[in-house]
């Protein structure tokens, strides 16, 4: 495909710029862009194991452990020993974490609305379908190579 490297370049630029914008927007929330996704995932999956979270985010165990340590220290996340596997932890949001998710939700919605200005519903659905298809291809390669 002729434009495949251009597409990948644009995706890379989108990621870098979105990370910068979000880190700037989140500085008053005592949290970074990378940390916020952990809170949202744990919020939607209470009791998720640390290993499941690592796989969900396609991270390595060390990165997940480092970020979770920071979130636990801030009181956003609670780790509980998994009764079925004493070596594992189940993850839950603490009260501070639940409050933070609610604060962040508005920021995420506002940002999303802003970046999709000028897109009609059909364009947004089409983009979502194409990006989902692309993600499935990348996930397949990830499973094979990583």
Foldseek 3Di string as FASTA:
>chain_A
DVCPVVVVVVVVVVVVVVQVVQQVVCVVLVDGPVLLVVLVVCAVPFQDKLVNSCVVVVHDSVVSVVSVVVCVVVQQKDWDQDPVHNVITTIHGGPSNVVSNVVVVVVVVVVVCVVCPPPDPVRVVVVVVVVVVVVVVVVVVSVVPD
